[in-house]
């Protein structure tokens, strides 16, 4: 059929509001991720520790339940340390999930030359990054602060209002602690995905970033006898921040817990915050450098 005989009509349907256009990326990304049975099975597995911890909270507040299963005496109280430990378990699972999901969010668009198609539409680079970040941040939130706050609400309902008001700090400490961890994992994971086009290599690079940072920090401490080398140890930095948020920084040293060394000293919490924020800023800079539409001339 000749072109002049075709009848072309512009799209007359409803347009997506500009503020919600970035949500188009998460919608299709979630559909693709949920097609993977391995990813879906692991995501469900991430809630197994939460169910165990939920049972512990119930037993700790129910004498009849303890008597029914044959537990004598009083169990340990649900303390601040319990919630921080639970957050640590969920955050470890979140790290593994990031290593699996992050490399497939940005790298395929760069490998297949799809980025110019995104940016040729009314879609900025910031909206593109935000749309990809929403995918990862949503998954990580579902397995970190959401289960911990659920435990907090259940414990508050069983223990009463007095316990709630005395331990209200746990709620916002969980949100801030999980928030900084999610921000670091999301931005770092996307940056590595944008810099490394092979999925397995990007996943290995994310794991190596944490393990090599730990090794460098401890070598610095042993050689120079000061804790400032641990600024490269992201896991340690998050631990320092969490101790400060949960009010455990004055009770004991994280360095002593990790290394069983009474001479060890923690770096200040402000330095840990600054190092984590600098990591996020560096990751955002790398994303800004890598996510540029380029014309391919053959």
Protein backbone atom coordinates (compact mmCIF):
# COMPACT_ATOMS: atom_id res chain seq x y z
CA UNK A 1 0.00 0.00 0.00
CA UNK A 2 1.32 3.40 -0.90
CA UNK A 3 2.23 5.68 1.95
CA UNK A 4 -0.06 8.49 0.80
CA UNK A 5 -3.06 6.14 1.01
CA UNK A 6 -2.51 5.30 4.66
CA UNK A 7 -4.44 7.14 7.28
CA UNK A 8 -2.25 8.08 10.25
CA UNK A 9 -3.93 9.25 13.40
CA UNK A 10 -2.14 10.53 16.48
CA UNK A 11 -2.70 8.90 19.82
CA UNK A 12 -5.74 10.46 21.45
CA UNK A 13 -5.86 8.44 24.65
CA UNK A 14 -5.00 9.66 28.14
CA UNK A 15 -1.42 10.71 28.80
CA UNK A 16 0.50 9.66 31.87
CA UNK A 17 1.11 12.67 34.15
CA UNK A 18 4.71 13.85 34.08
CA UNK A 19 5.22 13.18 37.78
CA UNK A 20 4.26 9.52 37.36
CA UNK A 21 6.10 8.73 34.14
CA UNK A 22 9.08 7.32 35.99
CA UNK A 23 6.78 4.63 37.45
CA UNK A 24 6.53 3.07 33.99
CA UNK A 25 10.04 1.63 34.47
CA UNK A 26 9.29 -0.11 37.78
CA UNK A 27 6.08 -1.60 36.42
CA UNK A 28 7.79 -3.44 33.58
CA UNK A 29 10.89 -4.21 35.65
CA UNK A 30 8.79 -5.93 38.32
CA UNK A 31 7.01 -7.96 35.66
CA UNK A 32 10.35 -9.15 34.30
CA UNK A 33 11.83 -9.92 37.71
CA UNK A 34 8.80 -11.91 38.85
CA UNK A 35 9.19 -14.17 35.83
CA UNK A 36 12.36 -15.56 37.43
CA UNK A 37 11.44 -18.45 39.73
CA UNK A 38 14.82 -18.32 41.45
CA UNK A 39 14.41 -14.66 42.31
CA UNK A 40 10.84 -15.18 43.48
CA UNK A 41 11.83 -18.16 45.64
CA UNK A 42 14.66 -16.21 47.25
CA UNK A 43 12.40 -13.22 47.90
CA UNK A 44 9.95 -15.50 49.73
CA UNK A 45 12.82 -17.10 51.64
CA UNK A 46 13.83 -13.67 52.94
CA UNK A 47 10.73 -13.71 55.18
CA UNK A 48 11.64 -16.97 56.93
CA UNK A 49 13.79 -15.23 59.61
CA UNK A 50 10.96 -12.76 60.15
CA UNK A 51 8.52 -15.58 60.87
CA UNK A 52 10.97 -17.12 63.36
CA UNK A 53 11.46 -13.75 65.07
CA UNK A 54 7.70 -13.21 65.13
CA UNK A 55 7.28 -16.51 66.95
CA UNK A 56 9.96 -15.50 69.44
CA UNK A 57 8.14 -12.22 70.15
CA UNK A 58 4.92 -14.10 70.80
CA UNK A 59 6.61 -16.62 73.11
CA UNK A 60 8.40 -13.88 75.02
CA UNK A 61 5.07 -12.23 75.83
CA UNK A 62 2.88 -15.30 76.39
CA UNK A 63 3.38 -17.47 79.48
CA UNK A 64 0.63 -19.93 78.42
CA UNK A 65 2.29 -20.46 75.05
CA UNK A 66 5.62 -21.18 76.71
CA UNK A 67 3.98 -23.63 79.10
CA UNK A 68 2.17 -25.32 76.22
CA UNK A 69 5.39 -26.20 74.40
CA UNK A 70 7.21 -27.10 77.61
CA UNK A 71 9.45 -24.06 78.12
CA UNK A 72 10.01 -23.45 81.80
CA UNK A 73 10.83 -20.12 83.35
CA UNK A 74 10.97 -16.74 81.68
CA UNK A 75 12.46 -16.24 78.25
CA UNK A 76 14.73 -13.34 77.37
CA UNK A 77 12.97 -10.03 77.02
CA UNK A 78 12.52 -8.46 73.59
CA UNK A 79 15.16 -5.73 73.82
CA UNK A 80 16.74 -3.14 71.58
CA UNK A 81 19.50 -5.62 70.74
CA UNK A 82 16.87 -8.04 69.41
CA UNK A 83 15.56 -5.51 66.88
CA UNK A 84 19.04 -4.49 65.79
CA UNK A 85 20.01 -8.14 65.34
CA UNK A 86 16.85 -8.74 63.31
CA UNK A 87 17.64 -5.73 61.14
CA UNK A 88 21.14 -7.10 60.59
CA UNK A 89 19.80 -10.47 59.44
CA UNK A 90 17.34 -8.88 57.01
CA UNK A 91 19.99 -6.46 55.73
CA UNK A 92 22.32 -9.35 54.92
CA UNK A 93 19.57 -10.94 52.85
CA UNK A 94 18.99 -7.56 51.22
CA UNK A 95 22.66 -7.39 50.21
CA UNK A 96 22.43 -10.76 48.47
CA UNK A 97 19.23 -9.69 46.73
CA UNK A 98 20.96 -6.53 45.50
CA UNK A 99 23.83 -8.56 44.06
CA UNK A 100 21.28 -10.57 42.08
CA UNK A 101 18.87 -7.85 40.94
CA UNK A 102 20.95 -4.66 40.48
CA UNK A 103 23.08 -5.88 37.53
CA UNK A 104 19.99 -6.55 35.38
CA UNK A 105 18.42 -3.12 35.85
CA UNK A 106 20.78 -0.81 33.94
CA UNK A 107 23.34 -2.94 32.13
CA UNK A 108 20.92 -4.46 29.54
CA UNK A 109 19.82 -0.98 28.46
CA UNK A 110 23.43 0.02 27.83
CA UNK A 111 24.41 -3.24 26.12
CA UNK A 112 21.41 -3.21 23.78
CA UNK A 113 21.54 0.53 23.07
CA UNK A 114 18.15 1.21 24.63
CA UNK A 115 19.19 4.26 26.64
CA UNK A 116 18.81 6.67 23.67
CA UNK A 117 15.25 5.40 23.22
CA UNK A 118 14.43 6.34 26.81
CA UNK A 119 16.07 9.74 26.70
CA UNK A 120 14.61 10.63 23.29
CA UNK A 121 11.23 10.79 24.97
CA UNK A 122 10.08 13.28 27.63
CA UNK A 123 12.18 11.38 30.14
CA UNK A 124 15.23 12.80 31.88
CA UNK A 125 18.26 10.93 33.17
CA UNK A 126 17.23 11.70 36.74
CA UNK A 127 13.81 10.15 36.11
CA UNK A 128 15.45 7.12 34.52
CA UNK A 129 17.71 6.58 37.55
CA UNK A 130 14.80 7.21 39.93
CA UNK A 131 12.65 4.67 38.11
CA UNK A 132 15.36 2.01 38.33
CA UNK A 133 16.08 2.89 41.97
CA UNK A 134 12.40 2.51 42.89
CA UNK A 135 12.56 -1.13 41.79
CA UNK A 136 15.50 -2.01 44.01
CA UNK A 137 14.48 0.21 46.93
CA UNK A 138 10.98 -1.30 46.98
CA UNK A 139 12.31 -4.86 47.11
CA UNK A 140 14.85 -4.01 49.81
CA UNK A 141 12.28 -2.13 51.88
CA UNK A 142 9.95 -5.11 51.78
CA UNK A 143 12.56 -7.33 53.44
CA UNK A 144 14.24 -4.84 55.81
CA UNK A 145 12.34 -2.13 57.65
CA UNK A 146 8.84 -3.42 56.87
CA UNK A 147 9.31 -6.75 58.74
CA UNK A 148 11.18 -5.05 61.61
CA UNK A 149 8.47 -2.44 62.11
CA UNK A 150 5.91 -5.24 61.99
CA UNK A 151 7.78 -6.95 64.83
CA UNK A 152 7.83 -3.65 66.69
CA UNK A 153 4.07 -3.20 66.32
CA UNK A 154 3.37 -6.78 67.41
CA UNK A 155 5.63 -6.38 70.45
CA UNK A 156 3.93 -3.07 71.30
CA UNK A 157 0.51 -4.68 71.10
CA UNK A 158 1.55 -7.56 73.36
CA UNK A 159 3.64 -5.58 75.85
CA UNK A 160 1.35 -2.57 76.17
CA UNK A 161 1.61 1.19 75.77
CA UNK A 162 4.23 1.57 78.47
CA UNK A 163 6.72 -0.52 76.49
CA UNK A 164 5.78 1.37 73.33
CA UNK A 165 6.58 4.80 74.74
CA UNK A 166 9.76 3.60 76.42
CA UNK A 167 11.06 2.07 73.19
CA UNK A 168 9.66 4.42 70.57
CA UNK A 169 13.22 5.14 69.48
CA UNK A 170 13.38 1.68 67.88
CA UNK A 171 10.87 2.69 65.20
CA UNK A 172 12.68 5.70 63.78
CA UNK A 173 16.08 4.07 64.32
CA UNK A 174 14.88 1.18 62.14
CA UNK A 175 13.67 3.54 59.42
CA UNK A 176 16.86 5.61 59.35
CA UNK A 177 19.16 2.61 59.71
CA UNK A 178 17.47 0.63 56.96
CA UNK A 179 17.15 3.77 54.84
CA UNK A 180 20.88 4.50 54.72
CA UNK A 181 21.63 0.82 54.00
CA UNK A 182 19.07 0.76 51.17
CA UNK A 183 20.46 4.00 49.72
CA UNK A 184 24.02 2.65 49.72
CA UNK A 185 23.03 -0.69 48.17
CA UNK A 186 20.74 0.87 45.57
CA UNK A 187 23.10 3.56 44.29
CA UNK A 188 26.19 1.37 44.47
CA UNK A 189 24.42 -1.52 42.76
CA UNK A 190 23.11 0.68 39.94
CA UNK A 191 26.52 2.36 39.50
CA UNK A 192 28.29 -0.99 39.15
CA UNK A 193 25.57 -2.17 36.77
CA UNK A 194 26.16 0.92 34.62
CA UNK A 195 29.96 0.50 34.66
CA UNK A 196 30.13 -3.27 34.17
CA UNK A 197 28.08 -4.80 31.38
CA UNK A 198 28.42 -8.46 32.42
CA UNK A 199 25.95 -9.53 35.08
CA UNK A 200 28.13 -12.02 36.93
CA UNK A 201 31.08 -9.63 36.95
CA UNK A 202 28.89 -6.81 38.29
CA UNK A 203 27.55 -9.06 41.05
CA UNK A 204 31.08 -10.14 41.94
CA UNK A 205 32.23 -6.52 41.95
CA UNK A 206 29.52 -5.59 44.45
CA UNK A 207 30.53 -8.43 46.75
CA UNK A 208 34.21 -7.59 46.33
CA UNK A 209 33.57 -3.95 47.21
CA UNK A 210 32.43 -4.95 50.68
CA UNK A 211 34.96 -7.72 51.31
CA UNK A 212 37.94 -5.78 49.98
CA UNK A 213 36.88 -2.75 52.01
CA UNK A 214 36.81 -4.91 55.12
CA UNK A 215 40.25 -6.34 54.38
CA UNK A 216 41.74 -2.91 53.68
CA UNK A 217 40.26 -1.40 56.83
CA UNK A 218 41.58 -4.14 59.10
CA UNK A 219 45.02 -4.07 57.47
CA UNK A 220 45.15 -0.31 58.02
CA UNK A 221 44.23 -0.81 61.65
CA UNK A 222 46.89 -3.45 62.22
CA UNK A 223 49.67 -1.52 60.49
CA UNK A 224 48.95 2.05 61.60
CA UNK A 225 47.15 1.26 64.87
CA UNK A 226 44.16 3.52 64.28
CA UNK A 227 40.59 2.86 63.17
CA UNK A 228 40.32 5.41 60.34
CA UNK A 229 41.10 2.86 57.66
CA UNK A 230 37.71 1.36 58.40
CA UNK A 231 36.15 4.21 56.44
CA UNK A 232 36.52 1.81 53.50
CA UNK A 233 34.58 -0.90 55.34
CA UNK A 234 30.96 -0.22 54.45
CA UNK A 235 29.56 -2.97 56.65
CA UNK A 236 31.46 -1.61 59.65
CA UNK A 237 30.28 1.94 58.92
CA UNK A 238 26.66 0.82 58.83
CA UNK A 239 27.19 -1.00 62.14
CA UNK A 240 28.55 2.17 63.75
CA UNK A 241 25.57 4.16 62.48
CA UNK A 242 23.11 1.56 63.72
CA UNK A 243 24.68 1.48 67.18
CA UNK A 244 24.31 5.23 67.39
CA UNK A 245 20.71 5.22 66.16
CA UNK A 246 19.59 2.44 68.50
CA UNK A 247 21.38 4.01 71.46
CA UNK A 248 23.89 1.21 71.87
CA UNK A 249 27.00 3.22 71.03
CA UNK A 250 27.61 4.15 74.67
CA UNK A 251 27.09 0.63 75.99
CA UNK A 252 29.88 -1.16 74.19
CA UNK A 253 32.17 -0.78 71.24
CA UNK A 254 31.36 -2.31 67.88
CA UNK A 255 35.08 -2.73 67.31
CA UNK A 256 35.38 -4.81 70.47
CA UNK A 257 32.44 -6.98 69.46
CA UNK A 258 33.87 -7.63 65.99
CA UNK A 259 37.51 -8.11 66.93
CA UNK A 260 37.41 -9.10 70.59
CA UNK A 261 40.05 -6.45 71.27
CA UNK A 262 39.62 -4.10 74.21
CA UNK A 263 42.11 -1.66 72.75
CA UNK A 264 40.09 -1.25 69.56
CA UNK A 265 38.14 1.96 69.15
CA UNK A 266 35.22 2.90 66.96
CA UNK A 267 35.38 5.77 64.52
CA UNK A 268 32.95 8.62 65.38
CA UNK A 269 29.39 8.20 64.21
CA UNK A 270 29.58 11.47 62.24
CA UNK A 271 32.52 10.08 60.26
CA UNK A 272 30.56 6.91 59.50
CA UNK A 273 27.61 9.00 58.29
CA UNK A 274 29.91 11.15 56.16
CA UNK A 275 31.59 8.11 54.58
CA UNK A 276 28.26 6.47 53.72
CA UNK A 277 26.87 9.69 52.23
CA UNK A 278 30.10 10.12 50.25
CA UNK A 279 29.64 6.58 48.89
CA UNK A 280 26.12 7.48 47.76
CA UNK A 281 27.37 10.72 46.16
CA UNK A 282 30.19 8.92 44.33
CA UNK A 283 27.76 6.30 43.04
CA UNK A 284 25.38 9.01 41.81
CA UNK A 285 28.31 10.73 40.06
CA UNK A 286 29.27 7.51 38.31
CA UNK A 287 25.69 7.02 37.17
CA UNK A 288 25.60 10.56 35.81
CA UNK A 289 28.82 9.93 33.90
CA UNK A 290 27.78 6.58 32.46
CA UNK A 291 24.14 7.23 31.60
CA UNK A 292 24.59 9.41 28.55
CA UNK A 293 22.91 8.76 25.25
CA UNK A 294 25.51 8.35 22.51
CA UNK A 295 24.98 8.22 18.78
CA UNK A 296 26.30 5.00 17.28
CA UNK A 297 27.74 5.43 13.77
CA UNK A 298 28.30 2.28 11.76
